[in-house]
PDB file of all heavy atoms in Angstrom:
ATOM      1  N   MET A   1     124.329 -55.391  35.171  1.00  0.00           N
ATOM      2  CA  MET A   1     123.678 -56.640  35.531  1.00  0.00           C
ATOM      3  C   MET A   1     123.208 -56.534  36.966  1.00  0.00           C
ATOM      4  O   MET A   1     123.934 -56.108  37.841  1.00  0.00           O
ATOM      5  CB  MET A   1     124.678 -57.790  35.368  1.00  0.00           C
ATOM      6  CG  MET A   1     124.104 -59.125  35.731  1.00  0.00           C
ATOM      7  SD  MET A   1     125.285 -60.471  35.525  1.00  0.00           S
ATOM      8  CE  MET A   1     125.142 -60.763  33.803  1.00  0.00           C
ATOM      9  N   SER A   2     121.996 -56.931  37.239  1.00  0.00           N
ATOM     10  CA  SER A   2     121.436 -56.818  38.580  1.00  0.00           C
ATOM     11  C   SER A   2     122.054 -57.858  39.508  1.00  0.00           C
ATOM     12  O   SER A   2     122.606 -58.857  39.073  1.00  0.00           O
ATOM     13  CB  SER A   2     119.926 -57.005  38.534  1.00  0.00           C
ATOM     14  OG  SER A   2     119.630 -58.359  38.268  1.00  0.00           O
ATOM     15  N   ASN A   3     121.938 -57.606  40.819  1.00  0.00           N
ATOM     16  CA  ASN A   3     122.406 -58.577  41.799  1.00  0.00           C
ATOM     17  C   ASN A   3     121.697 -59.907  41.627  1.00  0.00           C
ATOM     18  O   ASN A   3     122.277 -60.950  41.817  1.00  0.00           O
ATOM     19  CB  ASN A   3     122.181 -58.059  43.215  1.00  0.00           C
ATOM     20  CG  ASN A   3     123.368 -57.292  43.723  1.00  0.00           C
ATOM     21  OD1 ASN A   3     124.436 -57.314  43.105  1.00  0.00           O
ATOM     22  ND2 ASN A   3     123.186 -56.611  44.836  1.00  0.00           N
ATOM     23  N   GLU A   4     120.415 -59.850  41.270  1.00  0.00           N
ATOM     24  CA  GLU A   4     119.644 -61.075  41.087  1.00  0.00           C
ATOM     25  C   GLU A   4     120.273 -61.936  39.994  1.00  0.00           C
ATOM     26  O   GLU A   4     120.435 -63.135  40.151  1.00  0.00           O
ATOM     27  CB  GLU A   4     118.201 -60.730  40.724  1.00  0.00           C
ATOM     28  CG  GLU A   4     117.315 -61.940  40.636  1.00  0.00           C
ATOM     29  CD  GLU A   4     115.881 -61.545  40.418  1.00  0.00           C
ATOM     30  OE1 GLU A   4     115.514 -61.308  39.255  1.00  0.00           O
ATOM     31  OE2 GLU A   4     115.140 -61.476  41.397  1.00  0.00           O
ATOM     32  N   LEU A   5     120.693 -61.341  38.893  1.00  0.00           N
ATOM     33  CA  LEU A   5     121.309 -62.113  37.818  1.00  0.00           C
ATOM     34  C   LEU A   5     122.694 -62.588  38.209  1.00  0.00           C
ATOM     35  O   LEU A   5     123.107 -63.674  37.833  1.00  0.00           O
ATOM     36  CB  LEU A   5     121.367 -61.283  36.536  1.00  0.00           C
ATOM     37  CG  LEU A   5     120.015 -60.983  35.907  1.00  0.00           C
ATOM     38  CD1 LEU A   5     120.196 -60.177  34.634  1.00  0.00           C
ATOM     39  CD2 LEU A   5     119.249 -62.246  35.607  1.00  0.00           C
ATOM     40  N   LYS A   6     123.451 -61.804  38.980  1.00  0.00           N
ATOM     41  CA  LYS A   6     124.762 -62.256  39.433  1.00  0.00           C
ATOM     42  C   LYS A   6     124.603 -63.463  40.341  1.00  0.00           C
ATOM     43  O   LYS A   6     125.373 -64.407  40.263  1.00  0.00           O
ATOM     44  CB  LYS A   6     125.489 -61.123  40.164  1.00  0.00           C
ATOM     45  CG  LYS A   6     126.014 -60.067  39.232  1.00  0.00           C
ATOM     46  CD  LYS A   6     126.724 -58.980  40.011  1.00  0.00           C
ATOM     47  CE  LYS A   6     127.106 -57.850  39.074  1.00  0.00           C
ATOM     48  NZ  LYS A   6     127.635 -56.707  39.810  1.00  0.00           N
ATOM     49  N   GLN A   7     123.624 -63.460  41.234  1.00  0.00           N
ATOM     50  CA  GLN A   7     123.380 -64.607  42.100  1.00  0.00           C
ATOM     51  C   GLN A   7     123.012 -65.821  41.270  1.00  0.00           C
ATOM     52  O   GLN A   7     123.445 -66.914  41.534  1.00  0.00           O
ATOM     53  CB  GLN A   7     122.256 -64.298  43.082  1.00  0.00           C
ATOM     54  CG  GLN A   7     122.656 -63.347  44.175  1.00  0.00           C
ATOM     55  CD  GLN A   7     121.482 -62.996  45.062  1.00  0.00           C
ATOM     56  OE1 GLN A   7     120.328 -63.291  44.750  1.00  0.00           O
ATOM     57  NE2 GLN A   7     121.773 -62.356  46.169  1.00  0.00           N
ATOM     58  N   PHE A   8     122.233 -65.604  40.241  1.00  0.00           N
ATOM     59  CA  PHE A   8     121.852 -66.700  39.354  1.00  0.00           C
ATOM     60  C   PHE A   8     123.095 -67.361  38.775  1.00  0.00           C
ATOM     61  O   PHE A   8     123.266 -68.552  38.853  1.00  0.00           O
ATOM     62  CB  PHE A   8     120.967 -66.180  38.229  1.00  0.00           C
ATOM     63  CG  PHE A   8     120.796 -67.173  37.116  1.00  0.00           C
ATOM     64  CD1 PHE A   8     119.877 -68.188  37.221  1.00  0.00           C
ATOM     65  CD2 PHE A   8     121.575 -67.095  35.986  1.00  0.00           C
ATOM     66  CE1 PHE A   8     119.728 -69.110  36.211  1.00  0.00           C
ATOM     67  CE2 PHE A   8     121.436 -68.013  34.975  1.00  0.00           C
ATOM     68  CZ  PHE A   8     120.510 -69.018  35.097  1.00  0.00           C
ATOM     69  N   ASN A   9     123.990 -66.580  38.207  1.00  0.00           N
ATOM     70  CA  ASN A   9     125.167 -67.144  37.567  1.00  0.00           C
ATOM     71  C   ASN A   9     126.042 -67.916  38.539  1.00  0.00           C
ATOM     72  O   ASN A   9     126.497 -68.998  38.251  1.00  0.00           O
ATOM     73  CB  ASN A   9     125.983 -66.039  36.890  1.00  0.00           C
ATOM     74  CG  ASN A   9     125.309 -65.531  35.647  1.00  0.00           C
ATOM     75  OD1 ASN A   9     124.528 -66.246  35.036  1.00  0.00           O
ATOM     76  ND2 ASN A   9     125.589 -64.299  35.285  1.00  0.00           N
ATOM     77  N   ARG A  10     126.279 -67.364  39.709  1.00  0.00           N
ATOM     78  CA  ARG A  10     127.172 -67.983  40.678  1.00  0.00           C
ATOM     79  C   ARG A  10     126.551 -69.227  41.286  1.00  0.00           C
ATOM     80  O   ARG A  10     127.176 -70.259  41.374  1.00  0.00           O
ATOM     81  CB  ARG A  10     127.516 -66.966  41.761  1.00  0.00           C
ATOM     82  CG  ARG A  10     128.449 -67.491  42.810  1.00  0.00           C
ATOM     83  CD  ARG A  10     128.953 -66.385  43.701  1.00  0.00           C
ATOM     84  NE  ARG A  10     127.933 -65.475  44.145  1.00  0.00           N
ATOM     85  CZ  ARG A  10     127.185 -65.632  45.238  1.00  0.00           C
ATOM     86  NH1 ARG A  10     127.361 -66.674  45.999  1.00  0.00           N
ATOM     87  NH2 ARG A  10     126.278 -64.749  45.573  1.00  0.00           N
ATOM     88  N   ARG A  11     125.321 -69.145  41.685  1.00  0.00           N
ATOM     89  CA  ARG A  11     124.700 -70.236  42.430  1.00  0.00           C
ATOM     90  C   ARG A  11     124.111 -71.315  41.548  1.00  0.00           C
ATOM     91  O   ARG A  11     124.359 -72.489  41.747  1.00  0.00           O
ATOM     92  CB  ARG A  11     123.633 -69.684  43.360  1.00  0.00           C
ATOM     93  CG  ARG A  11     124.257 -68.866  44.461  1.00  0.00           C
ATOM     94  CD  ARG A  11     123.203 -68.337  45.377  1.00  0.00           C
ATOM     95  NE  ARG A  11     123.844 -67.565  46.436  1.00  0.00           N
ATOM     96  CZ  ARG A  11     123.265 -66.597  47.082  1.00  0.00           C
ATOM     97  NH1 ARG A  11     122.026 -66.281  46.817  1.00  0.00           N
ATOM     98  NH2 ARG A  11     123.901 -65.952  48.020  1.00  0.00           N
ATOM     99  N   THR A  12     123.305 -70.944  40.579  1.00  0.00           N
ATOM    100  CA  THR A  12     122.646 -71.976  39.792  1.00  0.00           C
ATOM    101  C   THR A  12     123.578 -72.617  38.789  1.00  0.00           C
ATOM    102  O   THR A  12     123.375 -73.759  38.423  1.00  0.00           O
ATOM    103  CB  THR A  12     121.399 -71.438  39.074  1.00  0.00           C
ATOM    104  OG1 THR A  12     121.778 -70.365  38.252  1.00  0.00           O
ATOM    105  CG2 THR A  12     120.341 -71.044  40.050  1.00  0.00           C
ATOM    106  N   LEU A  13     124.621 -71.921  38.371  1.00  0.00           N
ATOM    107  CA  LEU A  13     125.577 -72.552  37.477  1.00  0.00           C
ATOM    108  C   LEU A  13     126.260 -73.704  38.181  1.00  0.00           C
ATOM    109  O   LEU A  13     126.404 -74.786  37.627  1.00  0.00           O
ATOM    110  CB  LEU A  13     126.607 -71.528  36.982  1.00  0.00           C
ATOM    111  CG  LEU A  13     127.636 -72.084  36.009  1.00  0.00           C
ATOM    112  CD1 LEU A  13     126.959 -72.667  34.783  1.00  0.00           C
ATOM    113  CD2 LEU A  13     128.590 -71.005  35.594  1.00  0.00           C
ATOM    114  N   LEU A  14     126.654 -73.513  39.423  1.00  0.00           N
ATOM    115  CA  LEU A  14     127.264 -74.589  40.192  1.00  0.00           C
ATOM    116  C   LEU A  14     126.297 -75.752  40.321  1.00  0.00           C
ATOM    117  O   LEU A  14     126.661 -76.901  40.099  1.00  0.00           O
ATOM    118  CB  LEU A  14     127.676 -74.096  41.579  1.00  0.00           C
ATOM    119  CG  LEU A  14     128.189 -75.177  42.536  1.00  0.00           C
ATOM    120  CD1 LEU A  14     129.427 -75.841  41.964  1.00  0.00           C
ATOM    121  CD2 LEU A  14     128.480 -74.592  43.894  1.00  0.00           C
ATOM    122  N   ALA A  15     125.069 -75.450  40.638  1.00  0.00           N
ATOM    123  CA  ALA A  15     124.074 -76.512  40.793  1.00  0.00           C
ATOM    124  C   ALA A  15     123.863 -77.251  39.481  1.00  0.00           C
ATOM    125  O   ALA A  15     123.851 -78.473  39.444  1.00  0.00           O
ATOM    126  CB  ALA A  15     122.755 -75.938  41.295  1.00  0.00           C
ATOM    127  N   GLY A  16     123.711 -76.508  38.385  1.00  0.00           N
ATOM    128  CA  GLY A  16     123.479 -77.129  37.092  1.00  0.00           C
ATOM    129  C   GLY A  16     124.666 -77.953  36.628  1.00  0.00           C
ATOM    130  O   GLY A  16     124.510 -79.031  36.086  1.00  0.00           O
ATOM    131  N   ALA A  17     125.859 -77.454  36.857  1.00  0.00           N
ATOM    132  CA  ALA A  17     127.054 -78.177  36.439  1.00  0.00           C
ATOM    133  C   ALA A  17     127.213 -79.448  37.252  1.00  0.00           C
ATOM    134  O   ALA A  17     127.599 -80.485  36.729  1.00  0.00           O
ATOM    135  CB  ALA A  17     128.284 -77.295  36.595  1.00  0.00           C
ATOM    136  N   ALA A  18     126.899 -79.391  38.529  1.00  0.00           N
ATOM    137  CA  ALA A  18     127.037 -80.567  39.375  1.00  0.00           C
ATOM    138  C   ALA A  18     126.052 -81.645  38.984  1.00  0.00           C
ATOM    139  O   ALA A  18     126.357 -82.827  39.052  1.00  0.00           O
ATOM    140  CB  ALA A  18     126.857 -80.184  40.833  1.00  0.00           C
ATOM    141  N   VAL A  19     124.882 -81.260  38.569  1.00  0.00           N
ATOM    142  CA  VAL A  19     123.900 -82.240  38.143  1.00  0.00           C
ATOM    143  C   VAL A  19     124.378 -82.930  36.880  1.00  0.00           C
ATOM    144  O   VAL A  19     124.147 -84.092  36.658  1.00  0.00           O
ATOM    145  CB  VAL A  19     122.521 -81.583  37.924  1.00  0.00           C
ATOM    146  CG1 VAL A  19     121.566 -82.526  37.216  1.00  0.00           C
ATOM    147  CG2 VAL A  19     121.939 -81.184  39.262  1.00  0.00           C
ATOM    148  N   GLY A  20     125.115 -82.213  36.041  1.00  0.00           N
ATOM    149  CA  GLY A  20     125.653 -82.792  34.827  1.00  0.00           C
ATOM    150  C   GLY A  20     124.585 -83.023  33.772  1.00  0.00           C
ATOM    151  O   GLY A  20     124.734 -83.870  32.918  1.00  0.00           O
ATOM    152  N   ALA A  21     123.539 -82.297  33.812  1.00  0.00           N
ATOM    153  CA  ALA A  21     122.463 -82.456  32.856  1.00  0.00           C
ATOM    154  C   ALA A  21     122.426 -81.244  31.937  1.00  0.00           C
ATOM    155  O   ALA A  21     123.152 -80.302  32.132  1.00  0.00           O
ATOM    156  CB  ALA A  21     121.139 -82.577  33.592  1.00  0.00           C
ATOM    157  N   GLY A  22     121.522 -81.301  30.987  1.00  0.00           N
ATOM    158  CA  GLY A  22     121.306 -80.134  30.155  1.00  0.00           C
ATOM    159  C   GLY A  22     120.627 -79.102  31.004  1.00  0.00           C
ATOM    160  O   GLY A  22     119.437 -78.948  30.934  1.00  0.00           O
ATOM    161  N   ALA A  23     121.433 -78.469  31.833  1.00  0.00           N
ATOM    162  CA  ALA A  23     120.872 -77.693  32.891  1.00  0.00           C
ATOM    163  C   ALA A  23     120.534 -76.315  32.475  1.00  0.00           C
ATOM    164  O   ALA A  23     121.388 -75.580  32.026  1.00  0.00           O
ATOM    165  CB  ALA A  23     121.878 -77.613  34.022  1.00  0.00           C
ATOM    166  N   LEU A  24     119.341 -76.004  32.671  1.00  0.00           N
ATOM    167  CA  LEU A  24     118.857 -74.669  32.376  1.00  0.00           C
ATOM    168  C   LEU A  24     118.159 -74.169  33.625  1.00  0.00           C
ATOM    169  O   LEU A  24     117.164 -74.731  34.053  1.00  0.00           O
ATOM    170  CB  LEU A  24     117.869 -74.710  31.205  1.00  0.00           C
ATOM    171  CG  LEU A  24     118.438 -75.255  29.909  1.00  0.00           C
ATOM    172  CD1 LEU A  24     117.319 -75.464  28.903  1.00  0.00           C
ATOM    173  CD2 LEU A  24     119.468 -74.323  29.348  1.00  0.00           C
ATOM    174  N   ALA A  25     118.681 -73.119  34.214  1.00  0.00           N
ATOM    175  CA  ALA A  25     118.100 -72.644  35.468  1.00  0.00           C
ATOM    176  C   ALA A  25     116.873 -71.796  35.201  1.00  0.00           C
ATOM    177  O   ALA A  25     116.821 -71.047  34.245  1.00  0.00           O
ATOM    178  CB  ALA A  25     119.122 -71.854  36.246  1.00  0.00           C
ATOM    179  N   LEU A  26     115.903 -71.900  36.069  1.00  0.00           N
ATOM    180  CA  LEU A  26     114.651 -71.189  35.882  1.00  0.00           C
ATOM    181  C   LEU A  26     114.430 -70.060  36.876  1.00  0.00           C
ATOM    182  O   LEU A  26     113.785 -69.094  36.550  1.00  0.00           O
ATOM    183  CB  LEU A  26     113.478 -72.170  36.013  1.00  0.00           C
ATOM    184  CG  LEU A  26     113.351 -73.153  34.884  1.00  0.00           C
ATOM    185  CD1 LEU A  26     112.293 -74.190  35.215  1.00  0.00           C
ATOM    186  CD2 LEU A  26     112.975 -72.446  33.600  1.00  0.00           C
ATOM    187  N   ARG A  27     114.890 -70.181  38.096  1.00  0.00           N
ATOM    188  CA  ARG A  27     114.558 -69.178  39.107  1.00  0.00           C
ATOM    189  C   ARG A  27     115.804 -68.398  39.496  1.00  0.00           C
ATOM    190  O   ARG A  27     116.529 -68.790  40.401  1.00  0.00           O
ATOM    191  CB  ARG A  27     113.950 -69.833  40.338  1.00  0.00           C
ATOM    192  CG  ARG A  27     112.581 -70.393  40.079  1.00  0.00           C
ATOM    193  CD  ARG A  27     111.868 -70.740  41.342  1.00  0.00           C
ATOM    194  NE  ARG A  27     112.544 -71.833  42.026  1.00  0.00           N
ATOM    195  CZ  ARG A  27     112.143 -72.304  43.196  1.00  0.00           C
ATOM    196  NH1 ARG A  27     111.108 -71.793  43.804  1.00  0.00           N
ATOM    197  NH2 ARG A  27     112.777 -73.284  43.759  1.00  0.00           N
ATOM    198  N   PRO A  28     116.063 -67.251  38.864  1.00  0.00           N
ATOM    199  CA  PRO A  28     117.241 -66.480  39.206  1.00  0.00           C
ATOM    200  C   PRO A  28     117.266 -66.034  40.653  1.00  0.00           C
ATOM    201  O   PRO A  28     118.309 -65.798  41.198  1.00  0.00           O
ATOM    202  CB  PRO A  28     117.163 -65.263  38.284  1.00  0.00           C
ATOM    203  CG  PRO A  28     116.150 -65.560  37.271  1.00  0.00           C
ATOM    204  CD  PRO A  28     115.299 -66.661  37.793  1.00  0.00           C
ATOM    205  N   SER A  29     116.132 -65.915  41.300  1.00  0.00           N
ATOM    206  CA  SER A  29     116.112 -65.432  42.675  1.00  0.00           C
ATOM    207  C   SER A  29     116.273 -66.547  43.700  1.00  0.00           C
ATOM    208  O   SER A  29     116.356 -66.285  44.886  1.00  0.00           O
ATOM    209  CB  SER A  29     114.804 -64.688  42.946  1.00  0.00           C
ATOM    210  OG  SER A  29     113.714 -65.563  42.779  1.00  0.00           O
ATOM    211  N   ALA A  30     116.310 -67.789  43.248  1.00  0.00           N
ATOM    212  CA  ALA A  30     116.415 -68.900  44.189  1.00  0.00           C
ATOM    213  C   ALA A  30     117.783 -68.900  44.854  1.00  0.00           C
ATOM    214  O   ALA A  30     118.797 -68.733  44.207  1.00  0.00           O
ATOM    215  CB  ALA A  30     116.192 -70.223  43.456  1.00  0.00           C
ATOM    216  N   ALA A  31     117.810 -69.100  46.150  1.00  0.00           N
ATOM    217  CA  ALA A  31     119.064 -69.157  46.889  1.00  0.00           C
ATOM    218  C   ALA A  31     119.488 -70.613  47.012  1.00  0.00           C
ATOM    219  O   ALA A  31     118.717 -71.452  47.440  1.00  0.00           O
ATOM    220  CB  ALA A  31     118.879 -68.540  48.269  1.00  0.00           C
ATOM    221  N   PHE A  32     120.705 -70.908  46.634  1.00  0.00           N
ATOM    222  CA  PHE A  32     121.211 -72.261  46.728  1.00  0.00           C
ATOM    223  C   PHE A  32     122.253 -72.352  47.837  1.00  0.00           C
ATOM    224  O   PHE A  32     123.341 -72.851  47.645  1.00  0.00           O
ATOM    225  CB  PHE A  32     121.785 -72.715  45.374  1.00  0.00           C
ATOM    226  CG  PHE A  32     120.733 -72.951  44.361  1.00  0.00           C
ATOM    227  CD1 PHE A  32     120.533 -72.056  43.333  1.00  0.00           C
ATOM    228  CD2 PHE A  32     119.917 -74.056  44.444  1.00  0.00           C
ATOM    229  CE1 PHE A  32     119.533 -72.261  42.407  1.00  0.00           C
ATOM    230  CE2 PHE A  32     118.921 -74.264  43.508  1.00  0.00           C
ATOM    231  CZ  PHE A  32     118.732 -73.369  42.500  1.00  0.00           C
ATOM    232  N   ALA A  33     121.914 -71.851  49.004  1.00  0.00           N
ATOM    233  CA  ALA A  33     122.787 -71.975  50.149  1.00  0.00           C
ATOM    234  C   ALA A  33     122.791 -73.433  50.596  1.00  0.00           C
ATOM    235  O   ALA A  33     121.885 -74.194  50.276  1.00  0.00           O
ATOM    236  CB  ALA A  33     122.302 -71.067  51.272  1.00  0.00           C
ATOM    237  N   VAL A  34     123.806 -73.815  51.344  1.00  0.00           N
ATOM    238  CA  VAL A  34     123.911 -75.178  51.842  1.00  0.00           C
ATOM    239  C   VAL A  34     122.661 -75.538  52.631  1.00  0.00           C
ATOM    240  O   VAL A  34     122.104 -74.718  53.352  1.00  0.00           O
ATOM    241  CB  VAL A  34     125.174 -75.304  52.719  1.00  0.00           C
ATOM    242  CG1 VAL A  34     125.240 -76.655  53.394  1.00  0.00           C
ATOM    243  CG2 VAL A  34     126.412 -75.067  51.875  1.00  0.00           C
ATOM    244  N   GLY A  35     122.214 -76.785  52.462  1.00  0.00           N
ATOM    245  CA  GLY A  35     121.059 -77.265  53.208  1.00  0.00           C
ATOM    246  C   GLY A  35     119.726 -77.055  52.510  1.00  0.00           C
ATOM    247  O   GLY A  35     118.688 -77.330  53.088  1.00  0.00           O
ATOM    248  N   GLN A  36     119.730 -76.611  51.273  1.00  0.00           N
ATOM    249  CA  GLN A  36     118.503 -76.380  50.526  1.00  0.00           C
ATOM    250  C   GLN A  36     118.138 -77.638  49.722  1.00  0.00           C
ATOM    251  O   GLN A  36     118.927 -78.550  49.588  1.00  0.00           O
ATOM    252  CB  GLN A  36     118.661 -75.202  49.561  1.00  0.00           C
ATOM    253  CG  GLN A  36     119.037 -73.908  50.238  1.00  0.00           C
ATOM    254  CD  GLN A  36     117.952 -73.411  51.158  1.00  0.00           C
ATOM    255  OE1 GLN A  36     116.798 -73.333  50.777  1.00  0.00           O
ATOM    256  NE2 GLN A  36     118.330 -73.099  52.388  1.00  0.00           N
ATOM    257  N   THR A  37     116.951 -77.639  49.176  1.00  0.00           N
ATOM    258  CA  THR A  37     116.537 -78.686  48.244  1.00  0.00           C
ATOM    259  C   THR A  37     116.327 -78.035  46.893  1.00  0.00           C
ATOM    260  O   THR A  37     115.591 -77.061  46.766  1.00  0.00           O
ATOM    261  CB  THR A  37     115.232 -79.362  48.706  1.00  0.00           C
ATOM    262  OG1 THR A  37     115.468 -79.991  49.972  1.00  0.00           O
ATOM    263  CG2 THR A  37     114.777 -80.410  47.707  1.00  0.00           C
ATOM    264  N   VAL A  38     117.018 -78.553  45.883  1.00  0.00           N
ATOM    265  CA  VAL A  38     116.931 -78.051  44.521  1.00  0.00           C
ATOM    266  C   VAL A  38     115.932 -78.920  43.767  1.00  0.00           C
ATOM    267  O   VAL A  38     116.043 -80.140  43.774  1.00  0.00           O
ATOM    268  CB  VAL A  38     118.312 -78.117  43.832  1.00  0.00           C
ATOM    269  CG1 VAL A  38     118.225 -77.718  42.382  1.00  0.00           C
ATOM    270  CG2 VAL A  38     119.313 -77.251  44.579  1.00  0.00           C
ATOM    271  N   THR A  39     114.937 -78.300  43.144  1.00  0.00           N
ATOM    272  CA  THR A  39     113.945 -79.049  42.388  1.00  0.00           C
ATOM    273  C   THR A  39     114.386 -79.132  40.934  1.00  0.00           C
ATOM    274  O   THR A  39     114.544 -78.114  40.265  1.00  0.00           O
ATOM    275  CB  THR A  39     112.557 -78.395  42.502  1.00  0.00           C
ATOM    276  OG1 THR A  39     112.192 -78.371  43.885  1.00  0.00           O
ATOM    277  CG2 THR A  39     111.518 -79.180  41.729  1.00  0.00           C
ATOM    278  N   LEU A  40     114.606 -80.357  40.469  1.00  0.00           N
ATOM    279  CA  LEU A  40     115.078 -80.631  39.116  1.00  0.00           C
ATOM    280  C   LEU A  40     113.939 -81.205  38.293  1.00  0.00           C
ATOM    281  O   LEU A  40     113.413 -82.278  38.618  1.00  0.00           O
ATOM    282  CB  LEU A  40     116.243 -81.618  39.139  1.00  0.00           C
ATOM    283  CG  LEU A  40     116.671 -82.216  37.808  1.00  0.00           C
ATOM    284  CD1 LEU A  40     117.244 -81.144  36.884  1.00  0.00           C
ATOM    285  CD2 LEU A  40     117.676 -83.333  38.013  1.00  0.00           C
ATOM    286  N   ALA A  41     113.542 -80.478  37.245  1.00  0.00           N
ATOM    287  CA  ALA A  41     112.553 -80.991  36.295  1.00  0.00           C
ATOM    288  C   ALA A  41     113.324 -81.801  35.263  1.00  0.00           C
ATOM    289  O   ALA A  41     114.256 -81.303  34.642  1.00  0.00           O
ATOM    290  CB  ALA A  41     111.823 -79.835  35.621  1.00  0.00           C
ATOM    291  N   ASP A  42     112.953 -83.048  35.079  1.00  0.00           N
ATOM    292  CA  ASP A  42     113.728 -83.942  34.227  1.00  0.00           C
ATOM    293  C   ASP A  42     112.825 -84.645  33.221  1.00  0.00           C
ATOM    294  O   ASP A  42     111.688 -84.984  33.531  1.00  0.00           O
ATOM    295  CB  ASP A  42     114.432 -84.980  35.101  1.00  0.00           C
ATOM    296  CG  ASP A  42     115.322 -85.909  34.311  1.00  0.00           C
ATOM    297  OD1 ASP A  42     116.260 -85.418  33.654  1.00  0.00           O
ATOM    298  OD2 ASP A  42     115.076 -87.131  34.337  1.00  0.00           O
ATOM    299  N   ILE A  43     113.355 -84.861  32.021  1.00  0.00           N
ATOM    300  CA  ILE A  43     112.590 -85.543  30.981  1.00  0.00           C
ATOM    301  C   ILE A  43     112.640 -87.060  31.129  1.00  0.00           C
ATOM    302  O   ILE A  43     112.092 -87.780  30.324  1.00  0.00           O
ATOM    303  CB  ILE A  43     113.060 -85.139  29.572  1.00  0.00           C
ATOM    304  CG1 ILE A  43     114.521 -85.496  29.361  1.00  0.00           C
ATOM    305  CG2 ILE A  43     112.782 -83.672  29.324  1.00  0.00           C
ATOM    306  CD1 ILE A  43     115.008 -85.353  27.935  1.00  0.00           C
TER     307      ILE A  43
END
């Protein structure tokens, strides 16, 4: 598994779980370090 996919699992899973939505992450390369803005597409 590439580093990019490992970052995806660690970072976006936390973000998706915190949102509590049917969270499906789209950008594996996105960094979710503190102080960022996460763009949530919502129905």
